[in-house]
Amino acid sequence: MKNKTINISQLQAEASQVIKEVSVDGQIYEVMRYSEPAAVIIPFKEYEKLRGGCHKCVEEIKQIILRK
């Protein structure tokens, strides 16, 4: 599925629909502000994966450092 782009004004007007597409369909939105990327809206499960992966990497790095 291709990411969709939306500006802040559109997001304000269509927030309910955007959240539905993200949570139900897995759609990803790139939010633009003044024609520049400002934020990304992703499904919560994707967020958890990203966040969990980051914490796992940090812990692995700590363990490597402690072994030295």
Protein backbone atom coordinates (compact mmCIF):
# COMPACT_ATOMS: atom_id res chain seq x y z
CA MET A 1 0.00 0.00 0.00
CA LYS A 2 1.39 3.38 -0.99
CA ASN A 3 1.70 6.10 1.67
CA LYS A 4 -0.76 8.94 1.39
CA THR A 5 0.13 12.59 1.81
CA ILE A 6 -2.16 15.02 3.60
CA ASN A 7 -1.75 18.63 4.66
CA ILE A 8 -2.71 19.87 8.10
CA SER A 9 -5.91 21.58 6.93
CA GLN A 10 -7.10 18.37 5.26
CA LEU A 11 -6.16 16.37 8.34
CA GLN A 12 -8.23 18.66 10.57
CA ALA A 13 -11.23 18.30 8.26
CA GLU A 14 -10.86 14.54 7.75
CA ALA A 15 -9.33 13.36 11.03
CA SER A 16 -11.93 10.69 11.74
CA GLN A 17 -11.59 9.14 8.28
CA VAL A 18 -7.79 9.28 8.40
CA ILE A 19 -7.68 7.53 11.79
CA LYS A 20 -10.08 4.87 10.51
CA GLU A 21 -7.90 4.22 7.44
CA VAL A 22 -4.78 4.03 9.60
CA SER A 23 -6.20 1.79 12.32
CA VAL A 24 -8.38 -0.49 10.18
CA ASP A 25 -6.62 -0.58 6.82
CA GLY A 26 -3.02 -0.02 7.90
CA GLN A 27 -2.70 3.11 5.77
CA ILE A 28 0.28 5.38 6.47
CA TYR A 29 -0.08 9.15 6.15
CA GLU A 30 2.68 11.70 5.70
CA VAL A 31 1.50 15.01 7.17
CA MET A 32 2.77 18.11 5.38
CA ARG A 33 3.15 21.58 6.86
CA TYR A 34 4.04 24.43 4.49
CA SER A 35 4.82 21.83 1.81
CA GLU A 36 7.40 20.15 4.07
CA PRO A 37 7.05 16.78 5.85
CA ALA A 38 6.08 17.42 9.48
CA ALA A 39 4.84 14.09 10.84
CA VAL A 40 3.82 10.56 9.98
CA ILE A 41 0.68 8.78 11.15
CA ILE A 42 1.15 5.02 11.38
CA PRO A 43 -0.89 2.16 12.84
CA PHE A 44 -0.29 1.64 16.55
CA LYS A 45 1.02 -1.89 15.99
CA GLU A 46 3.68 -0.51 13.65
CA TYR A 47 4.60 2.09 16.26
CA GLU A 48 4.97 -0.63 18.90
CA LYS A 49 7.24 -2.63 16.58
CA LEU A 50 9.43 0.38 15.91
CA ARG A 51 9.59 1.35 19.55
CA GLY A 52 10.25 -2.18 20.74
CA GLY A 53 12.97 -2.69 18.17
CA CYS A 54 14.69 0.48 19.29
CA HIS A 55 14.67 -0.55 22.94
CA LYS A 56 15.99 -3.99 22.01
CA CYS A 57 18.87 -2.45 20.05
CA VAL A 58 19.75 -0.13 22.93
CA GLU A 59 19.81 -3.04 25.37
CA GLU A 60 22.00 -5.08 23.03
CA ILE A 61 24.44 -2.18 22.70
CA LYS A 62 24.56 -1.79 26.49
CA GLN A 63 25.36 -5.49 26.87
CA ILE A 64 28.16 -5.27 24.31
CA ILE A 65 29.66 -2.25 26.08
CA LEU A 66 29.46 -3.97 29.48
CA ARG A 67 31.34 -7.00 28.14
CA LYS A 68 34.39 -4.88 27.27
